[in-house]
Amino acid sequence: MTIQIHELRNRLTTAVLTATAMLDGKLPTDRSNLQGLVRALEDVKSIVSTVSKYDWDQTPADDQVVDVEELVRSVAEELAVVASAGDVRLSVAGTDPRMSPCGMLRGHALELHEAVEEALHALVSALPPRSSIQIAAGAGAVVRLTTAIPVDWQLAAAHLTAIAPALESRGGRVHLGSRPGEYCLHLPGRAVCS
């Protein structure tokens, strides 16, 4: 069931972001893009038809276990269309296998996902074309976003201001990392290993 929900969310997000990019003029409203939108919506219909009403997870929303590495991968896939339209390259860095189970968080899965998604979207929107962002799951409740452009402190502070609401509105926080262009997202969850 978790896999079905993940796939459903991915397909819906792809459809919404494709439609939004076409409305904003970042993607042409041509046959190819419209066919991609239709395929994403057909996938949603197919997934929903296979889900039994008895399959829905009964775990309390604030006590779900979330794999941070999988969360990072999912968000990067969902924002690929928006990033590409803005000529920003997203890449996901591999994580250290010794991190498990510290790469698992206990919390509200949807809030965790939305926090990372909105923060990454804000950073993608703030960067100039031909930029890149590397996303990495860190130990505990930390996700690192690292840009590959020279960043002075004023620009870094502006990016931080753009990212912060996504985390702070959900009980998380963000700060500048130890390297230039690095942002550390502290997610609103509890590390399983703590």
C-alpha atoms as a PDB file:
ATOM      1  CA  MET A   1       0.000   0.000   0.000  1.00  0.00           C
ATOM      2  CA  THR A   2       2.830   2.410   0.820  1.00  0.00           C
ATOM      3  CA  ILE A   3       4.286   1.865  -2.657  1.00  0.00           C
ATOM      4  CA  GLN A   4       0.897   2.555  -4.264  1.00  0.00           C
ATOM      5  CA  ILE A   5       0.483   5.810  -2.324  1.00  0.00           C
ATOM      6  CA  HIS A   6       4.032   6.852  -3.250  1.00  0.00           C
ATOM      7  CA  GLU A   7       3.372   6.131  -6.949  1.00  0.00           C
ATOM      8  CA  LEU A   8      -0.008   7.883  -6.785  1.00  0.00           C
ATOM      9  CA  ARG A   9       1.577  10.992  -5.285  1.00  0.00           C
ATOM     10  CA  ASN A  10       4.381  10.957  -7.888  1.00  0.00           C
ATOM     11  CA  ARG A  11       1.929  10.711 -10.800  1.00  0.00           C
ATOM     12  CA  LEU A  12      -0.348  13.434  -9.414  1.00  0.00           C
ATOM     13  CA  THR A  13       2.585  15.749  -8.763  1.00  0.00           C
ATOM     14  CA  THR A  14       3.934  15.142 -12.278  1.00  0.00           C
ATOM     15  CA  ALA A  15       0.525  16.010 -13.745  1.00  0.00           C
ATOM     16  CA  VAL A  16       0.156  19.178 -11.647  1.00  0.00           C
ATOM     17  CA  LEU A  17       3.705  20.404 -12.291  1.00  0.00           C
ATOM     18  CA  THR A  18       3.451  19.708 -16.031  1.00  0.00           C
ATOM     19  CA  ALA A  19       0.156  21.605 -16.258  1.00  0.00           C
ATOM     20  CA  THR A  20       1.547  24.478 -14.162  1.00  0.00           C
ATOM     21  CA  ALA A  21       4.704  24.716 -16.278  1.00  0.00           C
ATOM     22  CA  MET A  22       2.572  24.862 -19.439  1.00  0.00           C
ATOM     23  CA  LEU A  23       0.300  27.550 -17.950  1.00  0.00           C
ATOM     24  CA  ASP A  24       3.350  29.575 -16.870  1.00  0.00           C
ATOM     25  CA  GLY A  25       4.833  29.299 -20.364  1.00  0.00           C
ATOM     26  CA  LYS A  26       7.870  27.339 -19.171  1.00  0.00           C
ATOM     27  CA  LEU A  27       6.827  24.281 -21.202  1.00  0.00           C
ATOM     28  CA  PRO A  28       5.201  24.516 -24.613  1.00  0.00           C
ATOM     29  CA  THR A  29       1.562  23.417 -24.807  1.00  0.00           C
ATOM     30  CA  ASP A  30       2.294  20.919 -27.539  1.00  0.00           C
ATOM     31  CA  ARG A  31       1.093  17.402 -28.306  1.00  0.00           C
ATOM     32  CA  SER A  32       4.016  15.705 -26.553  1.00  0.00           C
ATOM     33  CA  ASN A  33       3.559  17.548 -23.238  1.00  0.00           C
ATOM     34  CA  LEU A  34      -0.217  17.113 -23.315  1.00  0.00           C
ATOM     35  CA  GLN A  35       0.215  13.376 -23.968  1.00  0.00           C
ATOM     36  CA  GLY A  36       2.570  13.191 -20.963  1.00  0.00           C
ATOM     37  CA  LEU A  37      -0.084  14.872 -18.836  1.00  0.00           C
ATOM     38  CA  VAL A  38      -2.757  12.431 -20.037  1.00  0.00           C
ATOM     39  CA  ARG A  39      -0.460   9.439 -19.325  1.00  0.00           C
ATOM     40  CA  ALA A  40       0.179  10.676 -15.780  1.00  0.00           C
ATOM     41  CA  LEU A  41      -3.550  11.059 -15.155  1.00  0.00           C
ATOM     42  CA  GLU A  42      -4.287   7.616 -16.660  1.00  0.00           C
ATOM     43  CA  ASP A  43      -1.666   6.145 -14.286  1.00  0.00           C
ATOM     44  CA  VAL A  44      -3.438   7.824 -11.353  1.00  0.00           C
ATOM     45  CA  LYS A  45      -6.757   6.335 -12.445  1.00  0.00           C
ATOM     46  CA  SER A  46      -5.177   2.885 -12.773  1.00  0.00           C
ATOM     47  CA  ILE A  47      -3.496   3.022  -9.355  1.00  0.00           C
ATOM     48  CA  VAL A  48      -6.658   4.232  -7.607  1.00  0.00           C
ATOM     49  CA  SER A  49      -8.703   1.419  -9.156  1.00  0.00           C
ATOM     50  CA  THR A  50      -6.382  -1.198  -7.611  1.00  0.00           C
ATOM     51  CA  VAL A  51      -6.537   0.167  -4.061  1.00  0.00           C
ATOM     52  CA  SER A  52      -8.953  -1.597  -1.740  1.00  0.00           C
ATOM     53  CA  LYS A  53     -10.728   0.584   0.807  1.00  0.00           C
ATOM     54  CA  TYR A  54      -9.352  -1.793   3.440  1.00  0.00           C
ATOM     55  CA  ASP A  55      -5.728  -1.174   2.432  1.00  0.00           C
ATOM     56  CA  TRP A  56      -5.395   2.331   3.852  1.00  0.00           C
ATOM     57  CA  ASP A  57      -2.740   2.577   6.541  1.00  0.00           C
ATOM     58  CA  GLN A  58      -4.219   2.927  10.049  1.00  0.00           C
ATOM     59  CA  THR A  59      -0.968   4.240  11.610  1.00  0.00           C
ATOM     60  CA  PRO A  60      -1.491   7.592  13.405  1.00  0.00           C
ATOM     61  CA  ALA A  61      -0.289  10.435  11.162  1.00  0.00           C
ATOM     62  CA  ASP A  62       2.345  11.650  13.622  1.00  0.00           C
ATOM     63  CA  ASP A  63       3.799   8.176  14.217  1.00  0.00           C
ATOM     64  CA  GLN A  64       4.639   7.077  10.667  1.00  0.00           C
ATOM     65  CA  VAL A  65       8.153   5.868   9.830  1.00  0.00           C
ATOM     66  CA  VAL A  66       9.678   7.653   6.831  1.00  0.00           C
ATOM     67  CA  ASP A  67      12.853   6.673   4.982  1.00  0.00           C
ATOM     68  CA  VAL A  68      14.640  10.009   4.435  1.00  0.00           C
ATOM     69  CA  GLU A  69      16.659   8.731   1.461  1.00  0.00           C
ATOM     70  CA  GLU A  70      13.478   7.552  -0.276  1.00  0.00           C
ATOM     71  CA  LEU A  71      11.820  10.877   0.588  1.00  0.00           C
ATOM     72  CA  VAL A  72      14.713  12.776  -1.033  1.00  0.00           C
ATOM     73  CA  ARG A  73      14.561  10.614  -4.174  1.00  0.00           C
ATOM     74  CA  SER A  74      10.794  11.049  -4.435  1.00  0.00           C
ATOM     75  CA  VAL A  75      10.917  14.846  -4.114  1.00  0.00           C
ATOM     76  CA  ALA A  76      13.724  15.098  -6.700  1.00  0.00           C
ATOM     77  CA  GLU A  77      11.664  13.016  -9.158  1.00  0.00           C
ATOM     78  CA  GLU A  78       8.575  15.159  -8.563  1.00  0.00           C
ATOM     79  CA  LEU A  79      10.404  18.449  -9.107  1.00  0.00           C
ATOM     80  CA  ALA A  80      12.364  17.292 -12.175  1.00  0.00           C
ATOM     81  CA  VAL A  81       9.942  19.018 -14.595  1.00  0.00           C
ATOM     82  CA  VAL A  82      10.018  22.347 -12.733  1.00  0.00           C
ATOM     83  CA  ALA A  83      13.816  22.216 -12.354  1.00  0.00           C
ATOM     84  CA  SER A  84      14.283  21.376 -16.027  1.00  0.00           C
ATOM     85  CA  ALA A  85      11.988  24.230 -17.065  1.00  0.00           C
ATOM     86  CA  GLY A  86      14.120  26.600 -14.980  1.00  0.00           C
ATOM     87  CA  ASP A  87      17.336  25.087 -16.412  1.00  0.00           C
ATOM     88  CA  VAL A  88      18.402  23.875 -12.948  1.00  0.00           C
ATOM     89  CA  ARG A  89      19.918  20.397 -12.636  1.00  0.00           C
ATOM     90  CA  LEU A  90      18.905  18.260  -9.649  1.00  0.00           C
ATOM     91  CA  SER A  91      20.973  15.304  -8.500  1.00  0.00           C
ATOM     92  CA  VAL A  92      20.570  13.002  -5.532  1.00  0.00           C
ATOM     93  CA  ALA A  93      23.723  12.045  -3.648  1.00  0.00           C
ATOM     94  CA  GLY A  94      24.004   8.502  -2.346  1.00  0.00           C
ATOM     95  CA  THR A  95      23.986   8.021   1.411  1.00  0.00           C
ATOM     96  CA  ASP A  96      26.293   6.061   3.632  1.00  0.00           C
ATOM     97  CA  PRO A  97      24.792   2.583   4.246  1.00  0.00           C
ATOM     98  CA  ARG A  98      26.038   2.780   7.847  1.00  0.00           C
ATOM     99  CA  MET A  99      23.501   5.552   8.435  1.00  0.00           C
ATOM    100  CA  SER A 100      20.590   3.091   8.825  1.00  0.00           C
ATOM    101  CA  PRO A 101      18.423   3.162  10.962  1.00  0.00           C
ATOM    102  CA  CYS A 102      19.391   6.806  11.519  1.00  0.00           C
ATOM    103  CA  GLY A 103      18.047   7.520   8.043  1.00  0.00           C
ATOM    104  CA  MET A 104      14.536   6.723   9.263  1.00  0.00           C
ATOM    105  CA  LEU A 105      12.290   9.346  10.864  1.00  0.00           C
ATOM    106  CA  ARG A 106       9.163   8.977  12.925  1.00  0.00           C
ATOM    107  CA  GLY A 107       6.611  11.686  12.205  1.00  0.00           C
ATOM    108  CA  HIS A 108       3.878  12.818   9.829  1.00  0.00           C
ATOM    109  CA  ALA A 109       4.914  11.526   6.374  1.00  0.00           C
ATOM    110  CA  LEU A 110       2.932  14.107   4.389  1.00  0.00           C
ATOM    111  CA  GLU A 111       4.338  17.034   6.408  1.00  0.00           C
ATOM    112  CA  LEU A 112       7.898  15.746   5.981  1.00  0.00           C
ATOM    113  CA  HIS A 113       7.396  15.325   2.249  1.00  0.00           C
ATOM    114  CA  GLU A 114       5.796  18.745   1.798  1.00  0.00           C
ATOM    115  CA  ALA A 115       8.524  20.468   3.822  1.00  0.00           C
ATOM    116  CA  VAL A 116      11.310  19.089   1.614  1.00  0.00           C
ATOM    117  CA  GLU A 117       9.314  19.604  -1.585  1.00  0.00           C
ATOM    118  CA  GLU A 118       8.469  23.251  -0.844  1.00  0.00           C
ATOM    119  CA  ALA A 119      11.997  24.070   0.346  1.00  0.00           C
ATOM    120  CA  LEU A 120      13.593  22.537  -2.754  1.00  0.00           C
ATOM    121  CA  HIS A 121      11.050  24.237  -5.022  1.00  0.00           C
ATOM    122  CA  ALA A 122      11.851  27.609  -3.403  1.00  0.00           C
ATOM    123  CA  LEU A 123      15.585  27.071  -3.958  1.00  0.00           C
ATOM    124  CA  VAL A 124      15.077  25.951  -7.579  1.00  0.00           C
ATOM    125  CA  SER A 125      13.007  29.111  -8.206  1.00  0.00           C
ATOM    126  CA  ALA A 126      15.657  31.341  -6.592  1.00  0.00           C
ATOM    127  CA  LEU A 127      18.618  30.024  -8.602  1.00  0.00           C
ATOM    128  CA  PRO A 128      19.716  31.381 -11.973  1.00  0.00           C
ATOM    129  CA  PRO A 129      19.597  29.173 -15.102  1.00  0.00           C
ATOM    130  CA  ARG A 130      22.371  26.573 -15.536  1.00  0.00           C
ATOM    131  CA  SER A 131      22.635  26.081 -11.778  1.00  0.00           C
ATOM    132  CA  SER A 132      22.648  22.724 -10.062  1.00  0.00           C
ATOM    133  CA  ILE A 133      21.516  21.392  -6.703  1.00  0.00           C
ATOM    134  CA  GLN A 134      22.730  18.226  -5.050  1.00  0.00           C
ATOM    135  CA  ILE A 135      20.310  16.742  -2.519  1.00  0.00           C
ATOM    136  CA  ALA A 136      21.519  14.380   0.182  1.00  0.00           C
ATOM    137  CA  ALA A 137      19.831  12.619   3.084  1.00  0.00           C
ATOM    138  CA  GLY A 138      21.883  13.088   6.228  1.00  0.00           C
ATOM    139  CA  ALA A 139      21.860  11.290   9.545  1.00  0.00           C
ATOM    140  CA  GLY A 140      18.764  11.852  11.647  1.00  0.00           C
ATOM    141  CA  ALA A 141      16.329  14.475  10.463  1.00  0.00           C
ATOM    142  CA  VAL A 142      18.682  16.426   8.182  1.00  0.00           C
ATOM    143  CA  VAL A 143      18.536  16.887   4.400  1.00  0.00           C
ATOM    144  CA  ARG A 144      21.344  18.852   2.738  1.00  0.00           C
ATOM    145  CA  LEU A 145      20.814  20.978  -0.369  1.00  0.00           C
ATOM    146  CA  THR A 146      24.091  22.070  -1.972  1.00  0.00           C
ATOM    147  CA  THR A 147      24.240  24.495  -4.903  1.00  0.00           C
ATOM    148  CA  ALA A 148      27.080  24.560  -7.387  1.00  0.00           C
ATOM    149  CA  ILE A 149      27.165  28.318  -7.884  1.00  0.00           C
ATOM    150  CA  PRO A 150      29.351  30.833  -6.076  1.00  0.00           C
ATOM    151  CA  VAL A 151      27.241  32.177  -3.204  1.00  0.00           C
ATOM    152  CA  ASP A 152      28.084  35.296  -1.212  1.00  0.00           C
ATOM    153  CA  TRP A 153      26.524  35.768   2.217  1.00  0.00           C
ATOM    154  CA  GLN A 154      23.767  38.115   0.943  1.00  0.00           C
ATOM    155  CA  LEU A 155      22.643  35.640  -1.714  1.00  0.00           C
ATOM    156  CA  ALA A 156      22.857  32.754   0.767  1.00  0.00           C
ATOM    157  CA  ALA A 157      20.718  34.732   3.242  1.00  0.00           C
ATOM    158  CA  ALA A 158      18.142  35.440   0.510  1.00  0.00           C
ATOM    159  CA  HIS A 159      17.980  31.732  -0.353  1.00  0.00           C
ATOM    160  CA  LEU A 160      17.633  30.873   3.324  1.00  0.00           C
ATOM    161  CA  THR A 161      14.720  33.326   3.621  1.00  0.00           C
ATOM    162  CA  ALA A 162      13.021  31.663   0.639  1.00  0.00           C
ATOM    163  CA  ILE A 163      13.498  28.143   2.043  1.00  0.00           C
ATOM    164  CA  ALA A 164      12.685  28.801   5.717  1.00  0.00           C
ATOM    165  CA  PRO A 165       8.849  29.032   5.589  1.00  0.00           C
ATOM    166  CA  ALA A 166       8.552  25.466   4.226  1.00  0.00           C
ATOM    167  CA  LEU A 167      10.315  24.123   7.324  1.00  0.00           C
ATOM    168  CA  GLU A 168       9.283  26.579  10.027  1.00  0.00           C
ATOM    169  CA  SER A 169       5.559  26.314   9.287  1.00  0.00           C
ATOM    170  CA  ARG A 170       5.812  22.585  10.025  1.00  0.00           C
ATOM    171  CA  GLY A 171       8.040  22.742  13.105  1.00  0.00           C
ATOM    172  CA  GLY A 172      11.366  22.244  11.302  1.00  0.00           C
ATOM    173  CA  ARG A 173      14.218  24.662  10.748  1.00  0.00           C
ATOM    174  CA  VAL A 174      16.954  25.450   8.222  1.00  0.00           C
ATOM    175  CA  HIS A 175      20.431  26.937   8.478  1.00  0.00           C
ATOM    176  CA  LEU A 176      23.474  27.482   6.293  1.00  0.00           C
ATOM    177  CA  GLY A 177      25.827  24.503   6.108  1.00  0.00           C
ATOM    178  CA  SER A 178      29.575  24.436   6.599  1.00  0.00           C
ATOM    179  CA  ARG A 179      30.327  24.681   2.859  1.00  0.00           C
ATOM    180  CA  PRO A 180      29.463  27.623   0.550  1.00  0.00           C
ATOM    181  CA  GLY A 181      26.034  27.128  -1.025  1.00  0.00           C
ATOM    182  CA  GLU A 182      24.987  24.408   1.448  1.00  0.00           C
ATOM    183  CA  TYR A 183      21.628  24.512   3.249  1.00  0.00           C
ATOM    184  CA  CYS A 184      20.723  22.084   6.054  1.00  0.00           C
ATOM    185  CA  LEU A 185      17.038  21.260   6.420  1.00  0.00           C
ATOM    186  CA  HIS A 186      16.130  19.931   9.870  1.00  0.00           C
ATOM    187  CA  LEU A 187      12.898  18.062   9.278  1.00  0.00           C
ATOM    188  CA  PRO A 188       9.992  18.046  11.748  1.00  0.00           C
ATOM    189  CA  GLY A 189      10.430  14.405  12.775  1.00  0.00           C
ATOM    190  CA  ARG A 190      12.243  12.259  15.334  1.00  0.00           C
ATOM    191  CA  ALA A 191      15.139  10.065  14.257  1.00  0.00           C
ATOM    192  CA  VAL A 192      14.341   6.392  14.855  1.00  0.00           C
ATOM    193  CA  CYS A 193      17.856   5.779  16.171  1.00  0.00           C
ATOM    194  CA  SER A 194      17.698   8.516  18.824  1.00  0.00           C
END
